[in-house]
C-alpha cells in the first residue's frame, strides 16, 4: 500500500495544485499530470545537455535556469529538474514553486 502511494505521488507538486494550474481535473502518475494540458516534472543529472544551443536564460529562478521548446530546466544548488508543458508561463510558475521547495 505505501509503495503504491509513493508511485502515484510527486514530492514537488500535489494533485490539487496541478489541477489548479492546468485548469481542471487531472490524472496523476508520479510527476506526470494529464488534463487539458500534459505536465511532466523530472529530477535530472545532466543539466547542460537538456536544451543545447537554443537555450534561453531565465533570470531569478534558481542558480541557473533555461527555457527551450516546451520545457524549463532549472538548477538549484546541487539539484536540477525539468518541467515540460506546452505553456511557458505555466512552466515558469511550476518551476518557481519547485525551486522554492528545494531552497
Protein backbone atom coordinates (compact mmCIF):
# COMPACT_ATOMS: atom_id res chain seq x y z
CA UNK A 1 0.00 0.00 0.00
CA UNK A 2 2.72 2.51 0.93
CA UNK A 3 4.68 1.60 -2.21
CA UNK A 4 1.60 2.33 -4.39
CA UNK A 5 1.14 5.74 -2.74
CA UNK A 6 4.79 6.59 -3.41
CA UNK A 7 4.47 5.60 -7.07
CA UNK A 8 1.43 7.83 -7.52
CA UNK A 9 2.70 10.85 -5.58
CA UNK A 10 5.02 13.64 -6.63
CA UNK A 11 7.22 15.21 -3.91
CA UNK A 12 7.31 18.61 -5.66
CA UNK A 13 3.71 19.15 -6.74
CA UNK A 14 0.47 17.69 -5.43
CA UNK A 15 -2.61 16.64 -7.37
CA UNK A 16 -4.76 19.62 -6.31
CA UNK A 17 -2.14 22.23 -7.19
CA UNK A 18 -1.54 20.60 -10.57
CA UNK A 19 -5.30 20.61 -11.25
CA UNK A 20 -5.45 24.31 -10.39
CA UNK A 21 -2.54 25.19 -12.65
CA UNK A 22 -3.77 23.01 -15.51
CA UNK A 23 -7.31 24.35 -15.20
CA UNK A 24 -9.33 21.25 -14.41
CA UNK A 25 -9.29 17.62 -13.36
CA UNK A 26 -6.05 15.72 -13.89
CA UNK A 27 -4.89 12.15 -13.87
CA UNK A 28 -1.63 11.75 -11.97
CA UNK A 29 1.05 9.11 -12.27
CA UNK A 30 4.08 10.09 -10.23
CA UNK A 31 5.13 13.52 -11.51
CA UNK A 32 3.15 13.23 -14.73
CA UNK A 33 -0.18 15.06 -14.78
CA UNK A 34 -2.65 14.76 -17.67
CA UNK A 35 -5.66 17.02 -18.13
CA UNK A 36 -6.34 19.67 -20.74
CA UNK A 37 -2.53 20.01 -20.84
CA UNK A 38 0.14 17.45 -20.03
CA UNK A 39 2.73 18.25 -17.37
CA UNK A 40 5.93 16.30 -16.70
CA UNK A 41 8.35 17.01 -13.84
CA UNK A 42 11.64 15.15 -13.60
CA UNK A 43 14.79 15.44 -11.47
CA UNK A 44 17.78 15.24 -13.81
CA UNK A 45 21.53 14.72 -13.58
CA UNK A 46 22.72 16.33 -16.80
CA UNK A 47 21.59 19.96 -16.64
CA UNK A 48 23.60 21.40 -19.53
CA UNK A 49 22.68 19.00 -22.33
CA UNK A 50 18.89 19.35 -21.99
CA UNK A 51 18.46 22.47 -24.16
CA UNK A 52 21.60 22.84 -26.24
CA UNK A 53 22.22 25.99 -28.28
CA UNK A 54 18.52 27.02 -28.31
CA UNK A 55 18.52 27.67 -24.55
CA UNK A 56 17.11 31.00 -23.41
CA UNK A 57 18.49 32.04 -19.99
CA UNK A 58 15.89 32.82 -17.34
CA UNK A 59 16.62 35.30 -14.55
CA UNK A 60 15.77 34.96 -10.85
CA UNK A 61 14.90 31.28 -10.96
CA UNK A 62 17.25 29.02 -9.02
CA UNK A 63 21.01 29.08 -9.51
CA UNK A 64 20.67 28.58 -13.27
CA UNK A 65 17.59 28.26 -15.43
CA UNK A 66 16.97 27.99 -19.15
CA UNK A 67 13.95 27.54 -21.36
CA UNK A 68 13.77 25.78 -24.69
CA UNK A 69 10.82 24.49 -26.65
CA UNK A 70 8.16 23.31 -24.24
CA UNK A 71 10.49 22.81 -21.26
CA UNK A 72 12.17 24.75 -18.49
CA UNK A 73 15.34 23.34 -16.93
CA UNK A 74 16.46 24.67 -13.54
CA UNK A 75 19.43 24.05 -11.25
CA UNK A 76 19.11 24.87 -7.56
CA UNK A 77 22.33 24.28 -5.63
CA UNK A 78 23.28 20.68 -6.45
CA UNK A 79 19.87 19.58 -7.77
CA UNK A 80 18.43 20.04 -11.25
CA UNK A 81 14.97 19.46 -12.60
CA UNK A 82 12.97 19.73 -15.78
CA UNK A 83 9.38 20.95 -16.22
CA UNK A 84 7.73 20.11 -19.54
CA UNK A 85 4.38 21.62 -20.53
CA UNK A 86 3.22 23.36 -23.71
CA UNK A 87 2.60 26.64 -21.87
CA UNK A 88 5.76 28.58 -21.00
CA UNK A 89 4.03 30.79 -18.41
CA UNK A 90 2.70 27.76 -16.53
CA UNK A 91 6.08 26.02 -16.80
CA UNK A 92 7.73 29.04 -15.17
CA UNK A 93 5.13 29.13 -12.39
CA UNK A 94 5.65 25.44 -11.63
CA UNK A 95 9.45 25.79 -11.82
CA UNK A 96 9.31 28.68 -9.32
CA UNK A 97 7.31 26.55 -6.89
CA UNK A 98 9.71 23.61 -7.16
CA UNK A 99 12.81 25.82 -6.90
CA UNK A 100 11.34 27.40 -3.76
CA UNK A 101 10.83 24.00 -2.17
CA UNK A 102 14.44 23.00 -2.90
CA UNK A 103 15.98 26.05 -1.19
